[in-house]
Amino acid sequence: MSPSSKDLLFVAIPTFNPYYPTGGAPTNLRVNYNTALENPSFTDAYELADRYEAGLTIDLPGNWSAQIYYSQTYDSSFNHVTGVVNKNAVSAALGWTILASGASGTAPGIAT
C-alpha cells in the first residue's frame, strides 16, 4: 500500500443527500475517509545524489604550497502518485454541483 497522503479523502455531505442522517445531525457534516483499501494508489519515485570532489596540493619554493580543488554536489528527487480518487467526482456523486474544468494536457475538460 502506498503511503500517499492523497489517499485521504475529506468531503462535505450536502443536507439534501438522501442518506444524510436525520434527528439532530449537524448541518455541516463532513466525512474523512482513507480510500487506500478500496482503491490503493501507486507511487513511483526516485532519488539521485552525486558528489564529485578533486584536489591537488602543489609544493612551491620557500616552504610555500598551493591547493587547488573542485567540488560539486547534485541532488534530485521525483514522486508521482497514480490511482488516487478524484475528490470532485466523489463530491458530484454525493450531490454537489462541481464547476466546469478546462482540458489540461491529454485530460479532457469536465462539464458542470
PDB file of N, CA and C in Angstrom:
ATOM      1  N   MET A   1       0.850  -1.173   0.000  1.00  0.00           N
ATOM      2  CA  MET A   1       0.000   0.000   0.000  1.00  0.00           C
ATOM      3  C   MET A   1       0.895   1.236   0.000  1.00  0.00           C
ATOM      4  N   SER A   2       0.545   2.199  -0.790  1.00  0.00           N
ATOM      5  CA  SER A   2       1.318   3.422  -0.902  1.00  0.00           C
ATOM      6  C   SER A   2       1.087   4.328   0.299  1.00  0.00           C
ATOM      7  N   PRO A   3       2.130   4.970   0.799  1.00  0.00           N
ATOM      8  CA  PRO A   3       1.944   5.881   1.926  1.00  0.00           C
ATOM      9  C   PRO A   3       1.515   7.278   1.500  1.00  0.00           C
ATOM     10  N   SER A   4       0.847   7.383   0.384  1.00  0.00           N
ATOM     11  CA  SER A   4       0.483   8.692  -0.147  1.00  0.00           C
ATOM     12  C   SER A   4      -0.605   9.353   0.683  1.00  0.00           C
ATOM     13  N   SER A   5      -0.431  10.629   0.983  1.00  0.00           N
ATOM     14  CA  SER A   5      -1.466  11.373   1.696  1.00  0.00           C
ATOM     15  C   SER A   5      -2.641  11.682   0.782  1.00  0.00           C
ATOM     16  N   LYS A   6      -2.506  11.417  -0.516  1.00  0.00           N
ATOM     17  CA  LYS A   6      -3.601  11.663  -1.448  1.00  0.00           C
ATOM     18  C   LYS A   6      -4.694  10.611  -1.320  1.00  0.00           C
ATOM     19  N   ASP A   7      -4.464   9.565  -0.529  1.00  0.00           N
ATOM     20  CA  ASP A   7      -5.491   8.568  -0.276  1.00  0.00           C
ATOM     21  C   ASP A   7      -6.500   9.055   0.760  1.00  0.00           C
ATOM     22  N   LEU A   8      -6.196  10.142   1.450  1.00  0.00           N
ATOM     23  CA  LEU A   8      -7.082  10.671   2.472  1.00  0.00           C
ATOM     24  C   LEU A   8      -8.120  11.571   1.816  1.00  0.00           C
ATOM     25  N   LEU A   9      -9.380  11.210   1.963  1.00  0.00           N
ATOM     26  CA  LEU A   9     -10.475  11.934   1.327  1.00  0.00           C
ATOM     27  C   LEU A   9     -11.244  12.683   2.398  1.00  0.00           C
ATOM     28  N   PHE A  10     -11.465  13.964   2.196  1.00  0.00           N
ATOM     29  CA  PHE A  10     -12.188  14.823   3.127  1.00  0.00           C
ATOM     30  C   PHE A  10     -13.228  15.591   2.335  1.00  0.00           C
ATOM     31  N   VAL A  11     -14.516  15.252   2.489  1.00  0.00           N
ATOM     32  CA  VAL A  11     -15.579  15.894   1.716  1.00  0.00           C
ATOM     33  C   VAL A  11     -16.734  16.275   2.632  1.00  0.00           C
ATOM     34  N   ALA A  12     -17.446  17.325   2.222  1.00  0.00           N
ATOM     35  CA  ALA A  12     -18.661  17.742   2.921  1.00  0.00           C
ATOM     36  C   ALA A  12     -19.849  16.997   2.314  1.00  0.00           C
ATOM     37  N   ILE A  13     -20.824  16.652   3.139  1.00  0.00           N
ATOM     38  CA  ILE A  13     -22.024  15.950   2.695  1.00  0.00           C
ATOM     39  C   ILE A  13     -23.159  16.969   2.601  1.00  0.00           C
ATOM     40  N   PRO A  14     -23.802  17.103   1.433  1.00  0.00           N
ATOM     41  CA  PRO A  14     -24.913  18.059   1.329  1.00  0.00           C
ATOM     42  C   PRO A  14     -26.123  17.574   2.125  1.00  0.00           C
ATOM     43  N   THR A  15     -26.862  18.506   2.702  1.00  0.00           N
ATOM     44  CA  THR A  15     -28.025  18.130   3.534  1.00  0.00           C
ATOM     45  C   THR A  15     -29.138  17.520   2.701  1.00  0.00           C
ATOM     46  N   PHE A  16     -29.162  17.756   1.392  1.00  0.00           N
ATOM     47  CA  PHE A  16     -30.213  17.172   0.544  1.00  0.00           C
ATOM     48  C   PHE A  16     -29.863  15.760   0.066  1.00  0.00           C
ATOM     49  N   ASN A  17     -28.712  15.226   0.490  1.00  0.00           N
ATOM     50  CA  ASN A  17     -28.352  13.854   0.141  1.00  0.00           C
ATOM     51  C   ASN A  17     -29.358  12.916   0.808  1.00  0.00           C
ATOM     52  N   PRO A  18     -29.928  11.944   0.065  1.00  0.00           N
ATOM     53  CA  PRO A  18     -30.959  11.072   0.649  1.00  0.00           C
ATOM     54  C   PRO A  18     -30.449  10.220   1.822  1.00  0.00           C
ATOM     55  N   TYR A  19     -29.145  10.040   1.941  1.00  0.00           N
ATOM     56  CA  TYR A  19     -28.599   9.238   3.033  1.00  0.00           C
ATOM     57  C   TYR A  19     -28.086  10.095   4.186  1.00  0.00           C
ATOM     58  N   TYR A  20     -28.367  11.404   4.125  1.00  0.00           N
ATOM     59  CA  TYR A  20     -27.922  12.311   5.197  1.00  0.00           C
ATOM     60  C   TYR A  20     -28.645  11.923   6.488  1.00  0.00           C
ATOM     61  N   PRO A  21     -27.918  11.792   7.590  1.00  0.00           N
ATOM     62  CA  PRO A  21     -28.566  11.380   8.848  1.00  0.00           C
ATOM     63  C   PRO A  21     -29.562  12.440   9.329  1.00  0.00           C
ATOM     64  N   THR A  22     -30.633  11.965   9.941  1.00  0.00           N
ATOM     65  CA  THR A  22     -31.649  12.869  10.485  1.00  0.00           C
ATOM     66  C   THR A  22     -31.645  12.773  12.003  1.00  0.00           C
ATOM     67  N   GLY A  23     -32.426  13.623  12.627  1.00  0.00           N
ATOM     68  CA  GLY A  23     -32.543  13.559  14.084  1.00  0.00           C
ATOM     69  C   GLY A  23     -31.403  14.253  14.799  1.00  0.00           C
ATOM     70  N   GLY A  24     -31.165  15.498  14.481  1.00  0.00           N
ATOM     71  CA  GLY A  24     -30.146  16.255  15.202  1.00  0.00           C
ATOM     72  C   GLY A  24     -28.754  16.195  14.600  1.00  0.00           C
ATOM     73  N   ALA A  25     -28.650  15.769  13.358  1.00  0.00           N
ATOM     74  CA  ALA A  25     -27.332  15.738  12.699  1.00  0.00           C
ATOM     75  C   ALA A  25     -26.878  17.168  12.434  1.00  0.00           C
ATOM     76  N   PRO A  26     -25.575  17.426  12.499  1.00  0.00           N
ATOM     77  CA  PRO A  26     -25.092  18.785  12.228  1.00  0.00           C
ATOM     78  C   PRO A  26     -25.343  19.179  10.775  1.00  0.00           C
ATOM     79  N   THR A  27     -25.463  20.468  10.527  1.00  0.00           N
ATOM     80  CA  THR A  27     -25.724  20.934   9.164  1.00  0.00           C
ATOM     81  C   THR A  27     -24.452  21.012   8.332  1.00  0.00           C
ATOM     82  N   ASN A  28     -23.309  20.855   8.954  1.00  0.00           N
ATOM     83  CA  ASN A  28     -22.044  20.918   8.207  1.00  0.00           C
ATOM     84  C   ASN A  28     -21.284  19.598   8.329  1.00  0.00           C
ATOM     85  N   LEU A  29     -22.002  18.504   8.125  1.00  0.00           N
ATOM     86  CA  LEU A  29     -21.411  17.175   8.254  1.00  0.00           C
ATOM     87  C   LEU A  29     -20.318  16.980   7.203  1.00  0.00           C
ATOM     88  N   ARG A  30     -19.161  16.544   7.654  1.00  0.00           N
ATOM     89  CA  ARG A  30     -18.030  16.266   6.766  1.00  0.00           C
ATOM     90  C   ARG A  30     -17.549  14.850   7.049  1.00  0.00           C
ATOM     91  N   VAL A  31     -17.008  14.229   6.030  1.00  0.00           N
ATOM     92  CA  VAL A  31     -16.550  12.845   6.151  1.00  0.00           C
ATOM     93  C   VAL A  31     -15.073  12.786   5.822  1.00  0.00           C
ATOM     94  N   ASN A  32     -14.323  12.097   6.661  1.00  0.00           N
ATOM     95  CA  ASN A  32     -12.919  11.789   6.388  1.00  0.00           C
ATOM     96  C   ASN A  32     -12.838  10.293   6.132  1.00  0.00           C
ATOM     97  N   TYR A  33     -12.181   9.921   5.056  1.00  0.00           N
ATOM     98  CA  TYR A  33     -12.104   8.506   4.720  1.00  0.00           C
ATOM     99  C   TYR A  33     -10.790   8.227   4.002  1.00  0.00           C
ATOM    100  N   ASN A  34     -10.190   7.108   4.313  1.00  0.00           N
ATOM    101  CA  ASN A  34      -8.973   6.684   3.645  1.00  0.00           C
ATOM    102  C   ASN A  34      -9.358   5.675   2.567  1.00  0.00           C
ATOM    103  N   THR A  35      -9.146   6.040   1.313  1.00  0.00           N
ATOM    104  CA  THR A  35      -9.560   5.198   0.184  1.00  0.00           C
ATOM    105  C   THR A  35      -8.524   4.152  -0.205  1.00  0.00           C
ATOM    106  N   ALA A  36      -7.460   4.009   0.564  1.00  0.00           N
ATOM    107  CA  ALA A  36      -6.361   3.125   0.183  1.00  0.00           C
ATOM    108  C   ALA A  36      -6.757   1.650   0.149  1.00  0.00           C
ATOM    109  N   LEU A  37      -7.760   1.246   0.918  1.00  0.00           N
ATOM    110  CA  LEU A  37      -8.153  -0.169   0.903  1.00  0.00           C
ATOM    111  C   LEU A  37      -8.917  -0.526  -0.373  1.00  0.00           C
ATOM    112  N   GLU A  38      -9.881   0.312  -0.764  1.00  0.00           N
ATOM    113  CA  GLU A  38     -10.682   0.034  -1.951  1.00  0.00           C
ATOM    114  C   GLU A  38      -9.961   0.395  -3.249  1.00  0.00           C
ATOM    115  N   ASN A  39      -9.173   1.439  -3.202  1.00  0.00           N
ATOM    116  CA  ASN A  39      -8.521   1.929  -4.401  1.00  0.00           C
ATOM    117  C   ASN A  39      -7.082   2.328  -4.053  1.00  0.00           C
ATOM    118  N   PRO A  40      -6.206   1.365  -3.880  1.00  0.00           N
ATOM    119  CA  PRO A  40      -4.839   1.731  -3.484  1.00  0.00           C
ATOM    120  C   PRO A  40      -4.125   2.515  -4.579  1.00  0.00           C
ATOM    121  N   SER A  41      -3.441   3.555  -4.171  1.00  0.00           N
ATOM    122  CA  SER A  41      -2.672   4.340  -5.130  1.00  0.00           C
ATOM    123  C   SER A  41      -1.310   3.692  -5.325  1.00  0.00           C
ATOM    124  N   PHE A  42      -0.646   4.105  -6.378  1.00  0.00           N
ATOM    125  CA  PHE A  42       0.685   3.589  -6.692  1.00  0.00           C
ATOM    126  C   PHE A  42       1.634   4.769  -6.783  1.00  0.00           C
ATOM    127  N   THR A  43       2.714   4.699  -6.042  1.00  0.00           N
ATOM    128  CA  THR A  43       3.698   5.782  -6.040  1.00  0.00           C
ATOM    129  C   THR A  43       4.992   5.280  -6.660  1.00  0.00           C
ATOM    130  N   ASP A  44       5.445   5.960  -7.711  1.00  0.00           N
ATOM    131  CA  ASP A  44       6.776   5.668  -8.230  1.00  0.00           C
ATOM    132  C   ASP A  44       7.626   6.912  -7.996  1.00  0.00           C
ATOM    133  N   ALA A  45       8.844   6.677  -7.592  1.00  0.00           N
ATOM    134  CA  ALA A  45       9.708   7.794  -7.213  1.00  0.00           C
ATOM    135  C   ALA A  45      11.166   7.420  -7.444  1.00  0.00           C
ATOM    136  N   TYR A  46      12.003   8.436  -7.457  1.00  0.00           N
ATOM    137  CA  TYR A  46      13.438   8.184  -7.492  1.00  0.00           C
ATOM    138  C   TYR A  46      14.152   9.267  -6.709  1.00  0.00           C
ATOM    139  N   GLU A  47      15.337   8.950  -6.302  1.00  0.00           N
ATOM    140  CA  GLU A  47      16.231   9.880  -5.609  1.00  0.00           C
ATOM    141  C   GLU A  47      17.600   9.711  -6.239  1.00  0.00           C
ATOM    142  N   LEU A  48      18.214  10.819  -6.582  1.00  0.00           N
ATOM    143  CA  LEU A  48      19.520  10.778  -7.204  1.00  0.00           C
ATOM    144  C   LEU A  48      20.417  11.793  -6.518  1.00  0.00           C
ATOM    145  N   ALA A  49      21.580  11.347  -6.080  1.00  0.00           N
ATOM    146  CA  ALA A  49      22.529  12.254  -5.433  1.00  0.00           C
ATOM    147  C   ALA A  49      23.928  11.956  -5.971  1.00  0.00           C
ATOM    148  N   ASP A  50      24.644  12.999  -6.362  1.00  0.00           N
ATOM    149  CA  ASP A  50      26.017  12.875  -6.874  1.00  0.00           C
ATOM    150  C   ASP A  50      26.920  13.782  -6.040  1.00  0.00           C
ATOM    151  N   ARG A  51      28.150  13.379  -5.921  1.00  0.00           N
ATOM    152  CA  ARG A  51      29.156  14.227  -5.274  1.00  0.00           C
ATOM    153  C   ARG A  51      30.478  13.968  -5.957  1.00  0.00           C
ATOM    154  N   TYR A  52      31.051  15.021  -6.510  1.00  0.00           N
ATOM    155  CA  TYR A  52      32.373  14.955  -7.117  1.00  0.00           C
ATOM    156  C   TYR A  52      33.297  15.877  -6.336  1.00  0.00           C
ATOM    157  N   GLU A  53      34.445  15.387  -6.039  1.00  0.00           N
ATOM    158  CA  GLU A  53      35.424  16.226  -5.341  1.00  0.00           C
ATOM    159  C   GLU A  53      36.822  15.803  -5.779  1.00  0.00           C
ATOM    160  N   ALA A  54      37.647  16.794  -6.106  1.00  0.00           N
ATOM    161  CA  ALA A  54      39.025  16.524  -6.514  1.00  0.00           C
ATOM    162  C   ALA A  54      39.900  17.647  -5.985  1.00  0.00           C
ATOM    163  N   GLY A  55      41.127  17.312  -5.669  1.00  0.00           N
ATOM    164  CA  GLY A  55      42.022  18.333  -5.156  1.00  0.00           C
ATOM    165  C   GLY A  55      43.464  18.037  -5.522  1.00  0.00           C
ATOM    166  N   LEU A  56      44.253  19.083  -5.440  1.00  0.00           N
ATOM    167  CA  LEU A  56      45.658  18.966  -5.789  1.00  0.00           C
ATOM    168  C   LEU A  56      46.447  19.904  -4.884  1.00  0.00           C
ATOM    169  N   THR A  57      47.483  19.395  -4.263  1.00  0.00           N
ATOM    170  CA  THR A  57      48.369  20.221  -3.447  1.00  0.00           C
ATOM    171  C   THR A  57      49.710  20.320  -4.158  1.00  0.00           C
ATOM    172  N   ILE A  58      50.188  21.531  -4.341  1.00  0.00           N
ATOM    173  CA  ILE A  58      51.447  21.772  -5.055  1.00  0.00           C
ATOM    174  C   ILE A  58      52.456  22.358  -4.078  1.00  0.00           C
ATOM    175  N   ASP A  59      53.624  21.729  -3.974  1.00  0.00           N
ATOM    176  CA  ASP A  59      54.711  22.280  -3.156  1.00  0.00           C
ATOM    177  C   ASP A  59      55.440  23.340  -3.965  1.00  0.00           C
ATOM    178  N   LEU A  60      55.587  24.509  -3.367  1.00  0.00           N
ATOM    179  CA  LEU A  60      56.259  25.632  -4.021  1.00  0.00           C
ATOM    180  C   LEU A  60      57.565  25.933  -3.286  1.00  0.00           C
ATOM    181  N   PRO A  61      58.447  26.657  -3.932  1.00  0.00           N
ATOM    182  CA  PRO A  61      59.714  27.004  -3.268  1.00  0.00           C
ATOM    183  C   PRO A  61      59.457  27.873  -2.015  1.00  0.00           C
ATOM    184  N   GLY A  62      60.371  27.822  -1.070  1.00  0.00           N
ATOM    185  CA  GLY A  62      60.310  28.637   0.140  1.00  0.00           C
ATOM    186  C   GLY A  62      59.266  28.153   1.131  1.00  0.00           C
ATOM    187  N   ASN A  63      59.072  26.848   1.200  1.00  0.00           N
ATOM    188  CA  ASN A  63      58.076  26.248   2.098  1.00  0.00           C
ATOM    189  C   ASN A  63      56.653  26.770   1.858  1.00  0.00           C
ATOM    190  N   TRP A  64      56.359  27.177   0.663  1.00  0.00           N
ATOM    191  CA  TRP A  64      55.010  27.581   0.292  1.00  0.00           C
ATOM    192  C   TRP A  64      54.321  26.401  -0.373  1.00  0.00           C
ATOM    193  N   SER A  65      53.013  26.399  -0.307  1.00  0.00           N
ATOM    194  CA  SER A  65      52.248  25.362  -1.007  1.00  0.00           C
ATOM    195  C   SER A  65      50.962  26.001  -1.536  1.00  0.00           C
ATOM    196  N   ALA A  66      50.425  25.369  -2.521  1.00  0.00           N
ATOM    197  CA  ALA A  66      49.166  25.847  -3.110  1.00  0.00           C
ATOM    198  C   ALA A  66      48.208  24.664  -3.183  1.00  0.00           C
ATOM    199  N   GLN A  67      46.947  24.967  -2.959  1.00  0.00           N
ATOM    200  CA  GLN A  67      45.913  23.934  -3.060  1.00  0.00           C
ATOM    201  C   GLN A  67      44.877  24.378  -4.083  1.00  0.00           C
ATOM    202  N   ILE A  68      44.579  23.472  -4.953  1.00  0.00           N
ATOM    203  CA  ILE A  68      43.538  23.689  -5.954  1.00  0.00           C
ATOM    204  C   ILE A  68      42.536  22.553  -5.782  1.00  0.00           C
ATOM    205  N   TYR A  69      41.275  22.934  -5.678  1.00  0.00           N
ATOM    206  CA  TYR A  69      40.283  21.868  -5.523  1.00  0.00           C
ATOM    207  C   TYR A  69      38.982  22.259  -6.206  1.00  0.00           C
ATOM    208  N   TYR A  70      38.179  21.256  -6.451  1.00  0.00           N
ATOM    209  CA  TYR A  70      36.882  21.441  -7.077  1.00  0.00           C
ATOM    210  C   TYR A  70      35.919  20.458  -6.427  1.00  0.00           C
ATOM    211  N   SER A  71      34.713  20.922  -6.139  1.00  0.00           N
ATOM    212  CA  SER A  71      33.690  20.004  -5.634  1.00  0.00           C
ATOM    213  C   SER A  71      32.336  20.391  -6.220  1.00  0.00           C
ATOM    214  N   GLN A  72      31.505  19.402  -6.403  1.00  0.00           N
ATOM    215  CA  GLN A  72      30.171  19.613  -6.958  1.00  0.00           C
ATOM    216  C   GLN A  72      29.225  18.623  -6.318  1.00  0.00           C
ATOM    217  N   THR A  73      28.052  19.106  -5.947  1.00  0.00           N
ATOM    218  CA  THR A  73      27.001  18.247  -5.388  1.00  0.00           C
ATOM    219  C   THR A  73      25.738  18.440  -6.211  1.00  0.00           C
ATOM    220  N   TYR A  74      25.068  17.350  -6.507  1.00  0.00           N
ATOM    221  CA  TYR A  74      23.809  17.388  -7.246  1.00  0.00           C
ATOM    222  C   TYR A  74      22.825  16.479  -6.534  1.00  0.00           C
ATOM    223  N   ASP A  75      21.613  16.984  -6.305  1.00  0.00           N
ATOM    224  CA  ASP A  75      20.586  16.193  -5.633  1.00  0.00           C
ATOM    225  C   ASP A  75      19.272  16.396  -6.378  1.00  0.00           C
ATOM    226  N   SER A  76      18.570  15.309  -6.660  1.00  0.00           N
ATOM    227  CA  SER A  76      17.309  15.381  -7.384  1.00  0.00           C
ATOM    228  C   SER A  76      16.377  14.292  -6.869  1.00  0.00           C
ATOM    229  N   SER A  77      15.087  14.609  -6.812  1.00  0.00           N
ATOM    230  CA  SER A  77      14.104  13.589  -6.430  1.00  0.00           C
ATOM    231  C   SER A  77      12.800  13.853  -7.171  1.00  0.00           C
ATOM    232  N   PHE A  78      11.991  12.811  -7.312  1.00  0.00           N
ATOM    233  CA  PHE A  78      10.733  12.887  -8.027  1.00  0.00           C
ATOM    234  C   PHE A  78       9.758  11.919  -7.397  1.00  0.00           C
ATOM    235  N   ASN A  79       8.487  12.303  -7.325  1.00  0.00           N
ATOM    236  CA  ASN A  79       7.445  11.473  -6.731  1.00  0.00           C
ATOM    237  C   ASN A  79       6.195  11.636  -7.585  1.00  0.00           C
ATOM    238  N   HIS A  80       5.648  10.544  -8.094  1.00  0.00           N
ATOM    239  CA  HIS A  80       4.434  10.588  -8.912  1.00  0.00           C
ATOM    240  C   HIS A  80       3.453   9.554  -8.369  1.00  0.00           C
ATOM    241  N   VAL A  81       2.237  10.004  -8.045  1.00  0.00           N
ATOM    242  CA  VAL A  81       1.215   9.125  -7.475  1.00  0.00           C
ATOM    243  C   VAL A  81       0.095   8.964  -8.487  1.00  0.00           C
ATOM    244  N   THR A  82      -0.277   7.717  -8.789  1.00  0.00           N
ATOM    245  CA  THR A  82      -1.393   7.445  -9.694  1.00  0.00           C
ATOM    246  C   THR A  82      -2.425   6.600  -8.966  1.00  0.00           C
ATOM    247  N   GLY A  83      -3.639   6.609  -9.494  1.00  0.00           N
ATOM    248  CA  GLY A  83      -4.692   5.772  -8.932  1.00  0.00           C
ATOM    249  C   GLY A  83      -5.398   6.379  -7.733  1.00  0.00           C
ATOM    250  N   VAL A  84      -5.315   7.675  -7.542  1.00  0.00           N
ATOM    251  CA  VAL A  84      -5.990   8.297  -6.405  1.00  0.00           C
ATOM    252  C   VAL A  84      -7.422   8.653  -6.786  1.00  0.00           C
ATOM    253  N   VAL A  85      -8.272   8.771  -5.792  1.00  0.00           N
ATOM    254  CA  VAL A  85      -9.673   9.100  -6.013  1.00  0.00           C
ATOM    255  C   VAL A  85      -9.799  10.593  -6.304  1.00  0.00           C
ATOM    256  N   ASN A  86     -10.616  10.937  -7.282  1.00  0.00           N
ATOM    257  CA  ASN A  86     -10.861  12.324  -7.640  1.00  0.00           C
ATOM    258  C   ASN A  86     -11.887  12.908  -6.665  1.00  0.00           C
ATOM    259  N   LYS A  87     -11.475  13.886  -5.872  1.00  0.00           N
ATOM    260  CA  LYS A  87     -12.355  14.477  -4.860  1.00  0.00           C
ATOM    261  C   LYS A  87     -13.576  15.126  -5.499  1.00  0.00           C
ATOM    262  N   ASN A  88     -13.410  15.759  -6.658  1.00  0.00           N
ATOM    263  CA  ASN A  88     -14.556  16.368  -7.339  1.00  0.00           C
ATOM    264  C   ASN A  88     -15.570  15.328  -7.785  1.00  0.00           C
ATOM    265  N   ALA A  89     -15.093  14.173  -8.239  1.00  0.00           N
ATOM    266  CA  ALA A  89     -16.006  13.116  -8.665  1.00  0.00           C
ATOM    267  C   ALA A  89     -16.799  12.577  -7.476  1.00  0.00           C
ATOM    268  N   VAL A  90     -16.151  12.425  -6.331  1.00  0.00           N
ATOM    269  CA  VAL A  90     -16.858  11.955  -5.131  1.00  0.00           C
ATOM    270  C   VAL A  90     -17.876  13.001  -4.685  1.00  0.00           C
ATOM    271  N   SER A  91     -17.486  14.276  -4.700  1.00  0.00           N
ATOM    272  CA  SER A  91     -18.415  15.338  -4.313  1.00  0.00           C
ATOM    273  C   SER A  91     -19.619  15.382  -5.254  1.00  0.00           C
ATOM    274  N   ALA A  92     -19.403  15.192  -6.553  1.00  0.00           N
ATOM    275  CA  ALA A  92     -20.509  15.157  -7.509  1.00  0.00           C
ATOM    276  C   ALA A  92     -21.416  13.958  -7.237  1.00  0.00           C
ATOM    277  N   ALA A  93     -20.849  12.818  -6.895  1.00  0.00           N
ATOM    278  CA  ALA A  93     -21.650  11.635  -6.590  1.00  0.00           C
ATOM    279  C   ALA A  93     -22.494  11.842  -5.331  1.00  0.00           C
ATOM    280  N   LEU A  94     -22.007  12.673  -4.414  1.00  0.00           N
ATOM    281  CA  LEU A  94     -22.778  12.967  -3.206  1.00  0.00           C
ATOM    282  C   LEU A  94     -23.897  13.962  -3.460  1.00  0.00           C
ATOM    283  N   GLY A  95     -23.849  14.673  -4.591  1.00  0.00           N
ATOM    284  CA  GLY A  95     -24.918  15.592  -4.935  1.00  0.00           C
ATOM    285  C   GLY A  95     -24.500  17.036  -5.114  1.00  0.00           C
ATOM    286  N   TRP A  96     -23.242  17.358  -4.876  1.00  0.00           N
ATOM    287  CA  TRP A  96     -22.784  18.733  -5.055  1.00  0.00           C
ATOM    288  C   TRP A  96     -22.678  19.055  -6.537  1.00  0.00           C
ATOM    289  N   THR A  97     -22.837  20.320  -6.892  1.00  0.00           N
ATOM    290  CA  THR A  97     -22.603  20.784  -8.251  1.00  0.00           C
ATOM    291  C   THR A  97     -21.150  21.227  -8.333  1.00  0.00           C
ATOM    292  N   ILE A  98     -20.420  20.660  -9.249  1.00  0.00           N
ATOM    293  CA  ILE A  98     -18.999  20.941  -9.395  1.00  0.00           C
ATOM    294  C   ILE A  98     -18.814  21.877 -10.587  1.00  0.00           C
ATOM    295  N   LEU A  99     -17.978  22.888 -10.424  1.00  0.00           N
ATOM    296  CA  LEU A  99     -17.704  23.816 -11.515  1.00  0.00           C
ATOM    297  C   LEU A  99     -17.003  23.106 -12.671  1.00  0.00           C
ATOM    298  N   ALA A 100     -17.238  23.613 -13.854  1.00  0.00           N
ATOM    299  CA  ALA A 100     -16.598  23.039 -15.044  1.00  0.00           C
ATOM    300  C   ALA A 100     -15.104  23.276 -14.982  1.00  0.00           C
ATOM    301  N   SER A 101     -14.359  22.342 -15.558  1.00  0.00           N
ATOM    302  CA  SER A 101     -12.909  22.499 -15.623  1.00  0.00           C
ATOM    303  C   SER A 101     -12.465  22.311 -17.074  1.00  0.00           C
ATOM    304  N   GLY A 102     -11.463  23.090 -17.464  1.00  0.00           N
ATOM    305  CA  GLY A 102     -10.951  23.022 -18.822  1.00  0.00           C
ATOM    306  C   GLY A 102     -10.031  21.842 -19.031  1.00  0.00           C
ATOM    307  N   ALA A 103      -9.780  21.549 -20.285  1.00  0.00           N
ATOM    308  CA  ALA A 103      -8.868  20.456 -20.610  1.00  0.00           C
ATOM    309  C   ALA A 103      -7.456  20.820 -20.191  1.00  0.00           C
ATOM    310  N   SER A 104      -6.701  19.802 -19.771  1.00  0.00           N
ATOM    311  CA  SER A 104      -5.320  20.004 -19.341  1.00  0.00           C
ATOM    312  C   SER A 104      -4.474  18.861 -19.879  1.00  0.00           C
ATOM    313  N   GLY A 105      -3.525  19.181 -20.747  1.00  0.00           N
ATOM    314  CA  GLY A 105      -2.685  18.122 -21.332  1.00  0.00           C
ATOM    315  C   GLY A 105      -3.534  17.181 -22.165  1.00  0.00           C
ATOM    316  N   THR A 106      -3.491  15.887 -21.810  1.00  0.00           N
ATOM    317  CA  THR A 106      -4.294  14.906 -22.535  1.00  0.00           C
ATOM    318  C   THR A 106      -5.631  14.629 -21.848  1.00  0.00           C
ATOM    319  N   ALA A 107      -5.866  15.254 -20.689  1.00  0.00           N
ATOM    320  CA  ALA A 107      -7.124  15.053 -19.970  1.00  0.00           C
ATOM    321  C   ALA A 107      -8.188  15.991 -20.547  1.00  0.00           C
ATOM    322  N   PRO A 108      -9.379  15.466 -20.851  1.00  0.00           N
ATOM    323  CA  PRO A 108     -10.424  16.327 -21.414  1.00  0.00           C
ATOM    324  C   PRO A 108     -11.047  17.221 -20.346  1.00  0.00           C
ATOM    325  N   GLY A 109     -11.739  18.256 -20.778  1.00  0.00           N
ATOM    326  CA  GLY A 109     -12.456  19.127 -19.860  1.00  0.00           C
ATOM    327  C   GLY A 109     -13.666  18.402 -19.275  1.00  0.00           C
ATOM    328  N   ILE A 110     -14.144  18.879 -18.121  1.00  0.00           N
ATOM    329  CA  ILE A 110     -15.286  18.265 -17.449  1.00  0.00           C
ATOM    330  C   ILE A 110     -16.368  19.339 -17.325  1.00  0.00           C
ATOM    331  N   ALA A 111     -17.573  19.027 -17.773  1.00  0.00           N
ATOM    332  CA  ALA A 111     -18.696  19.968 -17.690  1.00  0.00           C
ATOM    333  C   ALA A 111     -19.232  20.015 -16.264  1.00  0.00           C
ATOM    334  N   THR A 112     -20.056  21.020 -15.987  1.00  0.00           N
ATOM    335  CA  THR A 112     -20.667  21.149 -14.657  1.00  0.00           C
ATOM    336  C   THR A 112     -21.598  19.996 -14.410  1.00  0.00           C
TER     337      THR A 112
END
